[in-house]
Amino acid sequence: MTTVDPDADILRAVEPDPDTLEQMELEDPYRAWLAREGVKVIDEYAFEDLAKVELGPWERKGGMGAALNIPYPVLINDAQLVEIRPGGSSEPEHHLYEEIVYIVSGRGATSVWVGDGPKRTFEWKQGSLFAIPLNAWYQLFNGSGTEPARYLSVTTAPPTMRLFKDDDFIFNNDFVFSKRFKGEDDFFSGNGTLYKGRVWDASFIPNVPDMPLYSWVERGAGGINALFEMAGNAMKGHVSEFPVGTYKKGHRHGPGAHLLILSGDAGYSLLWHEEDMSDMVKADWQYGSMVVVPSDACYHQHFNTGTRRARYMALGYGSGGTAAGLHTPFAGSGLGDVSQKQGGMQVEYEDENPLVLDLFEEECLKRGARPDMRRYFPGRTEFKVKLPD
């Protein structure tokens, strides 16, 4: 605090007695909401198998669930893993945060509606992906009478809770976002439109592990890819697949992403912030795993050390206009696949730390896969690992 002496040209600081002041208690509204929900919270960067994560009761969801968060101070989006009992259903709900749902296991159906309008119901199975329109009512039904159904939702709940700080406003607001969804009968038909830049615009994708993908030369190593636009959301996503014995170029994009492994029997991701990679974290994965990239400042890189092509899906908060996110809507990718030398956020193979290729070749040989990356390093003459003839 400062005061101004009208007869002087200086500011004089007023130093209060610290013993007379209380410490302000800061509370994260999102974490506080989770506590009120009574839901199980798991803070990890990587999950070996989403189908086997242990859940706890979650009354709002009408079954079992857990919030899968990362040990990071600022969450841009969260993941909610929910299981519906055989023959059961979730509780109807609506809310002012966005949500994209991926079916981890099981089969069933979802009904979506606004106000007193008609319910639009569509069926789903393991591998399906769909978006819940903002603030629309929805309910999920397990189509099996003997097996549970499990789904993962990636949502914008954290920033929404921090902005409004009011459960009643978030969960009991009757406003209809008709420009996003007004009950169209074909909204969840599974039909979509492919735009330039590999952008697939659809609110329901019946089977993500088998959907067509398209060449993504910029990311390297013969990878293919498709980007998602869903229900007019700021939440974005993409699916990528790359060959055996290869890895993608290191990159970053804002802000953060949940990476689900849809196929492949072995691989890993590297995450780091420091230029020399001294803080590097290695997250191993397999089919059914999830790795969470914590922030837009975090570089990461994905490696296929298995004997099958690896396909993964990234879901997270995206961007509009020209801001860097998971991608720039309807204009291909943003800066995430542009070289650092051109002002982007991608590390070209020739610029990466030599330890990246060395580690990859070691891991491939452990798994029985033949590494096939040296062709991308024509100027490198010395290698740590001796490859079999």
Protein backbone atom coordinates (compact mmCIF):
# COMPACT_ATOMS: atom_id res chain seq x y z
CA MET A 1 0.00 0.00 0.00
CA THR A 2 1.25 3.50 -0.77
CA THR A 3 0.35 7.06 0.11
CA VAL A 4 1.10 10.28 -1.72
CA ASP A 5 2.62 13.25 0.06
CA PRO A 6 1.24 16.30 -1.77
CA ASP A 7 4.42 18.21 -0.89
CA ALA A 8 6.83 15.53 -2.17
CA ASP A 9 7.57 13.81 -5.49
CA ILE A 10 8.02 10.35 -3.98
CA LEU A 11 5.73 7.51 -2.94
CA ARG A 12 6.04 6.34 0.63
CA ALA A 13 5.20 2.70 1.33
CA VAL A 14 3.05 1.99 4.37
CA GLU A 15 4.28 -1.16 6.10
CA PRO A 16 1.47 -2.80 8.08
CA ASP A 17 2.21 -4.94 11.11
CA PRO A 18 2.16 -8.54 9.73
CA ASP A 19 0.95 -9.82 13.10
CA THR A 20 -2.32 -7.95 12.64
CA LEU A 21 -3.13 -9.53 9.24
CA GLU A 22 -4.63 -12.90 8.48
CA GLN A 23 -3.35 -15.15 5.71
CA MET A 24 -5.78 -15.25 2.79
CA GLU A 25 -6.97 -18.79 2.17
CA LEU A 26 -7.00 -19.61 -1.54
CA GLU A 27 -9.24 -22.42 -2.73
CA ASP A 28 -9.51 -23.90 -6.22
CA PRO A 29 -13.24 -23.85 -7.04
CA TYR A 30 -12.85 -26.92 -9.24
CA ARG A 31 -11.12 -28.97 -6.56
CA ALA A 32 -13.68 -27.74 -4.05
CA TRP A 33 -16.47 -28.98 -6.35
CA LEU A 34 -14.86 -32.42 -6.55
CA ALA A 35 -14.79 -32.50 -2.75
CA ARG A 36 -18.49 -31.64 -2.58
CA GLU A 37 -19.20 -34.35 -5.14
CA GLY A 38 -17.46 -36.90 -2.95
CA VAL A 39 -15.92 -38.47 -6.05
CA LYS A 40 -12.65 -40.39 -6.03
CA VAL A 41 -9.81 -38.25 -7.41
CA ILE A 42 -6.65 -39.76 -8.93
CA ASP A 43 -3.74 -37.43 -9.69
CA GLU A 44 -1.37 -39.06 -12.20
CA TYR A 45 0.26 -38.24 -15.54
CA ALA A 46 -0.25 -41.74 -16.97
CA PHE A 47 -2.81 -44.54 -16.58
CA GLU A 48 -1.81 -48.02 -17.70
CA ASP A 49 -5.31 -49.27 -18.57
CA LEU A 50 -8.49 -47.19 -18.34
CA ALA A 51 -10.58 -50.38 -18.26
CA LYS A 52 -8.90 -51.38 -14.99
CA VAL A 53 -8.79 -48.09 -13.07
CA GLU A 54 -10.47 -48.59 -9.68
CA LEU A 55 -13.53 -46.36 -9.29
CA GLY A 56 -15.61 -45.14 -6.36
CA PRO A 57 -19.28 -44.11 -5.94
CA TRP A 58 -20.38 -41.00 -7.85
CA GLU A 59 -23.96 -40.10 -7.05
CA ARG A 60 -24.34 -37.45 -9.77
CA LYS A 61 -23.43 -40.02 -12.43
CA GLY A 62 -25.69 -42.69 -11.02
CA GLY A 63 -22.91 -45.25 -10.70
CA MET A 64 -19.18 -45.51 -10.16
CA GLY A 65 -16.59 -42.99 -11.26
CA ALA A 66 -13.37 -41.11 -10.69
CA ALA A 67 -11.85 -37.78 -11.70
CA LEU A 68 -8.51 -38.40 -13.41
CA ASN A 69 -6.44 -35.29 -12.92
CA ILE A 70 -2.76 -34.48 -13.17
CA PRO A 71 -0.58 -33.20 -10.30
CA TYR A 72 -0.36 -29.77 -11.91
CA PRO A 73 -1.47 -26.45 -10.40
CA VAL A 74 -3.67 -25.26 -13.27
CA LEU A 75 -5.98 -27.71 -15.03
CA ILE A 76 -7.43 -26.54 -18.34
CA ASN A 77 -9.55 -29.66 -18.80
CA ASP A 78 -10.22 -32.75 -16.73
CA ALA A 79 -11.10 -36.39 -17.37
CA GLN A 80 -14.07 -38.12 -15.77
CA LEU A 81 -14.11 -41.93 -15.89
CA VAL A 82 -17.57 -43.38 -15.27
CA GLU A 83 -18.99 -46.89 -15.19
CA ILE A 84 -22.68 -47.74 -15.65
CA ARG A 85 -23.88 -50.96 -14.07
CA PRO A 86 -25.42 -53.72 -16.27
CA GLY A 87 -28.89 -52.66 -17.40
CA GLY A 88 -28.44 -49.31 -15.67
CA SER A 89 -28.26 -45.68 -16.71
CA SER A 90 -26.63 -42.46 -15.67
CA GLU A 91 -28.64 -39.71 -14.02
CA PRO A 92 -30.01 -37.04 -16.41
CA GLU A 93 -27.92 -33.88 -16.19
CA HIS A 94 -26.88 -30.72 -18.03
CA HIS A 95 -24.14 -28.20 -17.36
CA LEU A 96 -22.29 -25.17 -18.67
CA TYR A 97 -19.03 -26.95 -19.35
CA GLU A 98 -18.22 -28.78 -22.57
CA GLU A 99 -17.86 -32.54 -22.69
CA ILE A 100 -16.55 -35.10 -25.19
CA VAL A 101 -17.27 -38.76 -24.43
CA TYR A 102 -15.25 -41.82 -25.48
CA ILE A 103 -16.59 -45.32 -24.85
CA VAL A 104 -13.88 -47.37 -23.16
CA SER A 105 -15.92 -50.59 -22.98
CA GLY A 106 -19.47 -51.82 -23.42
CA ARG A 107 -22.41 -50.84 -25.59
CA GLY A 108 -25.50 -48.75 -25.09
CA ALA A 109 -27.26 -45.54 -26.06
CA THR A 110 -27.41 -41.84 -25.19
CA SER A 111 -30.40 -39.51 -25.24
CA VAL A 112 -29.88 -35.75 -25.68
CA TRP A 113 -32.52 -33.02 -25.52
CA VAL A 114 -33.08 -29.33 -24.79
CA GLY A 115 -36.00 -27.90 -22.86
CA ASP A 116 -39.26 -29.66 -23.72
CA GLY A 117 -37.96 -30.66 -27.13
CA PRO A 118 -37.73 -34.22 -28.47
CA LYS A 119 -35.05 -36.61 -27.25
CA ARG A 120 -32.45 -37.57 -29.84
CA THR A 121 -31.17 -41.06 -29.07
CA PHE A 122 -28.22 -42.79 -30.71
CA GLU A 123 -26.48 -46.09 -30.03
CA TRP A 124 -22.80 -46.50 -29.23
CA LYS A 125 -20.22 -49.21 -28.59
CA GLN A 126 -16.61 -49.53 -27.52
CA GLY A 127 -14.56 -47.05 -29.57
CA SER A 128 -17.40 -44.56 -30.17
CA LEU A 129 -16.84 -40.84 -29.63
CA PHE A 130 -19.44 -38.10 -29.28
CA ALA A 131 -19.84 -34.57 -27.95
CA ILE A 132 -22.54 -33.42 -25.55
CA PRO A 133 -23.87 -30.06 -26.83
CA LEU A 134 -23.30 -27.27 -24.34
CA ASN A 135 -25.94 -27.23 -21.56
CA ALA A 136 -28.12 -29.84 -23.30
CA TRP A 137 -29.74 -32.51 -21.14
CA TYR A 138 -28.31 -36.01 -21.59
CA GLN A 139 -28.51 -39.52 -20.18
CA LEU A 140 -26.46 -42.65 -20.95
CA PHE A 141 -27.91 -46.18 -20.92
CA ASN A 142 -26.00 -49.46 -20.66
CA GLY A 143 -27.29 -51.78 -23.40
CA SER A 144 -26.03 -54.95 -21.70
CA GLY A 145 -27.79 -56.69 -18.88
CA THR A 146 -24.68 -58.61 -17.84
CA GLU A 147 -21.64 -56.37 -18.45
CA PRO A 148 -20.87 -52.84 -17.19
CA ALA A 149 -20.22 -50.00 -19.65
CA ARG A 150 -17.35 -47.60 -19.01
CA TYR A 151 -16.77 -44.21 -20.62
CA LEU A 152 -14.25 -41.38 -20.37
CA SER A 153 -15.35 -37.75 -20.58
CA VAL A 154 -12.86 -34.95 -21.18
CA THR A 155 -14.45 -31.67 -20.09
CA THR A 156 -13.85 -27.97 -19.55
CA ALA A 157 -15.17 -28.22 -15.98
CA PRO A 158 -12.03 -26.75 -14.31
CA PRO A 159 -12.07 -23.29 -15.97
CA THR A 160 -15.89 -23.19 -15.83
CA MET A 161 -15.89 -23.81 -12.07
CA ARG A 162 -13.20 -21.16 -11.57
CA LEU A 163 -15.06 -18.59 -13.64
CA PHE A 164 -18.56 -18.88 -12.19
CA LYS A 165 -17.93 -20.38 -8.72
CA ASP A 166 -21.59 -21.31 -8.44
CA ASP A 167 -22.91 -24.88 -8.74
CA ASP A 168 -26.49 -23.75 -9.16
CA PHE A 169 -25.62 -21.50 -12.11
CA ILE A 170 -23.52 -24.21 -13.78
CA PHE A 171 -25.92 -27.15 -13.32
CA ASN A 172 -29.35 -25.48 -13.18
CA ASN A 173 -29.16 -22.88 -15.92
CA ASP A 174 -31.98 -23.16 -18.48
CA PHE A 175 -30.33 -21.21 -21.26
CA VAL A 176 -30.43 -23.04 -24.62
CA PHE A 177 -27.41 -22.62 -26.89
CA SER A 178 -29.52 -23.02 -30.02
CA LYS A 179 -26.67 -22.03 -32.35
CA ARG A 180 -24.93 -25.21 -31.21
CA PHE A 181 -27.85 -27.61 -30.84
CA LYS A 182 -31.62 -27.19 -31.07
CA GLY A 183 -32.75 -30.80 -31.29
CA GLU A 184 -31.93 -31.59 -34.94
CA ASP A 185 -32.91 -35.18 -35.74
CA ASP A 186 -29.67 -35.89 -37.64
CA PHE A 187 -27.27 -34.24 -35.18
CA PHE A 188 -25.88 -37.59 -34.00
CA SER A 189 -26.33 -39.50 -37.26
CA GLY A 190 -22.62 -40.24 -37.61
CA ASN A 191 -22.50 -38.33 -40.88
CA GLY A 192 -19.94 -35.58 -41.09
CA THR A 193 -18.04 -33.25 -43.40
CA LEU A 194 -14.35 -33.45 -44.26
CA TYR A 195 -12.70 -30.05 -44.61
CA LYS A 196 -9.29 -29.03 -45.87
CA GLY A 197 -6.49 -29.76 -43.45
CA ARG A 198 -7.83 -33.21 -42.45
CA VAL A 199 -10.62 -31.66 -40.33
CA TRP A 200 -13.62 -33.97 -39.74
CA ASP A 201 -16.73 -32.12 -38.51
CA ALA A 202 -19.19 -34.48 -36.78
CA SER A 203 -20.84 -34.75 -33.39
CA PHE A 204 -20.77 -38.56 -33.33
CA ILE A 205 -18.07 -40.92 -34.62
CA PRO A 206 -19.22 -44.56 -34.42
CA ASN A 207 -15.77 -46.16 -34.25
CA VAL A 208 -12.68 -43.99 -33.83
CA PRO A 209 -10.14 -46.87 -33.92
CA ASP A 210 -11.24 -47.67 -37.50
CA MET A 211 -12.04 -44.21 -38.92
CA PRO A 212 -10.18 -43.08 -42.07
CA LEU A 213 -7.03 -41.01 -41.52
CA TYR A 214 -5.03 -38.85 -43.89
CA SER A 215 -1.37 -38.11 -44.59
CA TRP A 216 0.38 -35.80 -42.12
CA VAL A 217 3.77 -35.23 -43.71
CA GLU A 218 4.74 -32.38 -41.37
CA ARG A 219 4.80 -34.58 -38.25
CA GLY A 220 7.14 -37.10 -39.90
CA ALA A 221 7.74 -40.87 -40.04
CA GLY A 222 4.84 -41.69 -42.36
CA GLY A 223 2.09 -40.81 -39.90
CA ILE A 224 -1.58 -40.30 -40.75
CA ASN A 225 -4.09 -38.14 -38.92
CA ALA A 226 -7.56 -36.56 -38.68
CA LEU A 227 -8.68 -33.54 -36.64
CA PHE A 228 -12.09 -33.18 -34.95
CA GLU A 229 -14.63 -30.40 -34.77
CA MET A 230 -17.55 -31.51 -32.58
CA ALA A 231 -20.82 -29.77 -31.65
CA GLY A 232 -19.37 -26.29 -32.07
CA ASN A 233 -17.13 -26.86 -29.05
CA ALA A 234 -13.91 -25.18 -28.06
CA MET A 235 -12.91 -28.73 -27.05
CA LYS A 236 -10.89 -30.25 -29.87
CA GLY A 237 -9.32 -33.56 -30.70
CA HIS A 238 -7.33 -35.51 -33.22
CA VAL A 239 -6.41 -39.09 -34.03
CA SER A 240 -2.97 -40.08 -35.28
CA GLU A 241 -1.44 -43.38 -36.34
CA PHE A 242 2.19 -44.20 -37.10
CA PRO A 243 4.15 -47.24 -38.29
CA VAL A 244 6.13 -49.82 -36.36
CA GLY A 245 9.67 -48.75 -35.44
CA THR A 246 9.01 -45.02 -35.84
CA TYR A 247 8.25 -41.96 -33.75
CA LYS A 248 6.66 -38.56 -34.22
CA LYS A 249 8.51 -35.26 -34.04
CA GLY A 250 8.64 -33.54 -30.66
CA HIS A 251 6.16 -30.70 -30.31
CA ARG A 252 3.95 -28.74 -27.99
CA HIS A 253 0.51 -27.22 -28.32
CA GLY A 254 -1.72 -25.34 -25.99
CA PRO A 255 -3.10 -26.08 -23.63
CA GLY A 256 -2.60 -29.74 -22.67
CA ALA A 257 -4.25 -32.92 -23.92
CA HIS A 258 -5.47 -36.33 -22.80
CA LEU A 259 -3.84 -38.99 -25.00
CA LEU A 260 -5.73 -42.30 -25.33
CA ILE A 261 -4.01 -45.28 -26.96
CA LEU A 262 -6.45 -46.91 -29.41
CA SER A 263 -4.15 -49.55 -30.93
CA GLY A 264 -0.60 -50.79 -30.65
CA ASP A 265 1.00 -53.19 -28.21
CA ALA A 266 3.90 -51.12 -26.86
CA GLY A 267 5.19 -47.57 -26.88
CA TYR A 268 5.89 -44.55 -24.75
CA SER A 269 5.72 -40.77 -24.67
CA LEU A 270 8.36 -38.31 -23.48
CA LEU A 271 7.35 -35.09 -21.71
CA TRP A 272 9.71 -32.22 -20.88
CA HIS A 273 9.91 -28.47 -20.36
CA GLU A 274 13.64 -27.74 -20.17
CA GLU A 275 15.54 -27.29 -23.44
CA ASP A 276 18.20 -29.83 -22.41
CA MET A 277 15.44 -32.33 -21.47
CA SER A 278 16.90 -32.61 -17.94
CA ASP A 279 13.35 -32.84 -16.54
CA MET A 280 12.23 -35.48 -19.05
CA VAL A 281 9.49 -37.90 -17.96
CA LYS A 282 8.97 -41.21 -19.79
CA ALA A 283 5.40 -42.54 -19.79
CA ASP A 284 5.05 -46.11 -21.11
CA TRP A 285 1.81 -47.06 -22.82
CA GLN A 286 -0.07 -49.90 -24.49
CA TYR A 287 -3.58 -50.41 -25.85
CA GLY A 288 -6.04 -48.87 -23.41
CA SER A 289 -3.56 -46.51 -21.73
CA MET A 290 -3.92 -42.76 -21.23
CA VAL A 291 -1.14 -40.18 -20.95
CA VAL A 292 -1.89 -36.57 -19.97
CA VAL A 293 0.21 -33.70 -21.38
CA PRO A 294 0.05 -31.08 -18.62
CA SER A 295 0.37 -27.68 -20.32
CA ASP A 296 1.06 -25.71 -23.47
CA ALA A 297 4.67 -25.25 -22.33
CA CYS A 298 5.26 -29.00 -22.18
CA TYR A 299 7.03 -30.56 -25.14
CA HIS A 300 6.10 -34.17 -25.82
CA GLN A 301 6.91 -36.90 -28.32
CA HIS A 302 5.31 -40.27 -29.09
CA PHE A 303 7.16 -43.51 -29.89
CA ASN A 304 5.96 -46.85 -31.28
CA THR A 305 8.21 -49.65 -30.01
CA GLY A 306 5.70 -52.43 -30.59
CA THR A 307 5.10 -54.83 -33.44
CA ARG A 308 1.84 -53.20 -34.63
CA ARG A 309 0.93 -49.78 -35.94
CA ALA A 310 0.01 -47.47 -33.07
CA ARG A 311 -3.07 -45.22 -33.11
CA TYR A 312 -3.83 -42.65 -30.44
CA MET A 313 -6.46 -39.96 -29.85
CA ALA A 314 -5.78 -36.61 -28.18
CA LEU A 315 -8.63 -34.68 -26.57
CA GLY A 316 -8.35 -31.29 -24.93
CA TYR A 317 -9.22 -27.62 -24.92
CA GLY A 318 -8.61 -26.21 -28.38
CA SER A 319 -8.70 -22.78 -29.91
CA GLY A 320 -10.33 -20.57 -32.46
CA GLY A 321 -8.95 -18.08 -34.92
CA THR A 322 -5.19 -18.22 -35.21
CA ALA A 323 -4.39 -19.06 -31.58
CA ALA A 324 -2.29 -22.16 -31.07
CA GLY A 325 -4.26 -25.11 -29.74
CA LEU A 326 -4.73 -28.75 -30.63
CA HIS A 327 -5.42 -27.32 -34.06
CA THR A 328 -6.85 -24.24 -35.74
CA PRO A 329 -10.47 -24.91 -36.81
CA PHE A 330 -11.07 -25.47 -40.52
CA ALA A 331 -7.54 -24.46 -41.48
CA GLY A 332 -5.45 -27.54 -40.82
CA SER A 333 -3.02 -27.52 -37.94
CA GLY A 334 -1.81 -24.54 -35.97
CA LEU A 335 1.78 -23.96 -34.94
CA GLY A 336 2.15 -27.42 -33.43
CA ASP A 337 3.54 -28.89 -36.66
CA VAL A 338 5.57 -25.86 -37.73
CA SER A 339 9.33 -25.97 -37.11
CA GLN A 340 10.78 -23.95 -34.26
CA LYS A 341 13.11 -22.43 -36.84
CA GLN A 342 10.04 -20.94 -38.53
CA GLY A 343 8.46 -19.67 -35.33
CA GLY A 344 6.47 -22.82 -34.63
CA MET A 345 6.44 -25.36 -31.81
CA GLN A 346 7.80 -28.49 -33.47
CA VAL A 347 11.30 -29.94 -32.99
CA GLU A 348 12.61 -31.25 -36.31
CA TYR A 349 14.43 -34.58 -36.25
CA GLU A 350 17.79 -32.98 -37.05
CA ASP A 351 17.36 -30.55 -34.13
CA GLU A 352 16.35 -33.02 -31.42
CA ASN A 353 18.55 -34.16 -28.56
CA PRO A 354 20.60 -37.24 -29.67
CA LEU A 355 19.43 -39.14 -26.58
CA VAL A 356 15.92 -39.33 -28.10
CA LEU A 357 16.95 -41.67 -30.94
CA ASP A 358 19.34 -43.62 -28.70
CA LEU A 359 16.62 -44.33 -26.13
CA PHE A 360 14.14 -45.26 -28.85
CA GLU A 361 16.44 -47.81 -30.47
CA GLU A 362 17.16 -49.39 -27.09
CA GLU A 363 13.44 -49.67 -26.33
CA CYS A 364 12.65 -51.14 -29.76
CA LEU A 365 15.22 -53.90 -29.35
CA LYS A 366 13.81 -54.74 -25.92
CA ARG A 367 10.35 -55.16 -27.48
CA GLY A 368 11.42 -57.06 -30.57
CA ALA A 369 10.66 -54.26 -33.02
CA ARG A 370 13.22 -53.11 -35.57
CA PRO A 371 13.77 -49.33 -35.34
CA ASP A 372 13.43 -47.54 -38.65
CA MET A 373 14.44 -43.95 -37.94
CA ARG A 374 18.07 -43.54 -39.00
CA ARG A 375 16.96 -42.59 -42.51
CA TYR A 376 15.72 -39.31 -41.00
CA PHE A 377 19.23 -38.50 -39.69
CA PRO A 378 21.44 -38.52 -42.81
CA GLY A 379 24.01 -36.25 -41.18
CA ARG A 380 24.51 -38.35 -38.07
CA THR A 381 27.47 -40.75 -38.22
CA GLU A 382 27.70 -42.09 -34.66
CA PHE A 383 25.01 -44.06 -32.87
CA LYS A 384 24.98 -45.46 -29.34
CA VAL A 385 23.01 -48.59 -30.23
CA LYS A 386 24.29 -51.32 -32.53
CA LEU A 387 21.40 -52.61 -34.64
CA PRO A 388 21.24 -56.25 -35.74
CA ASP A 389 22.16 -56.99 -39.35
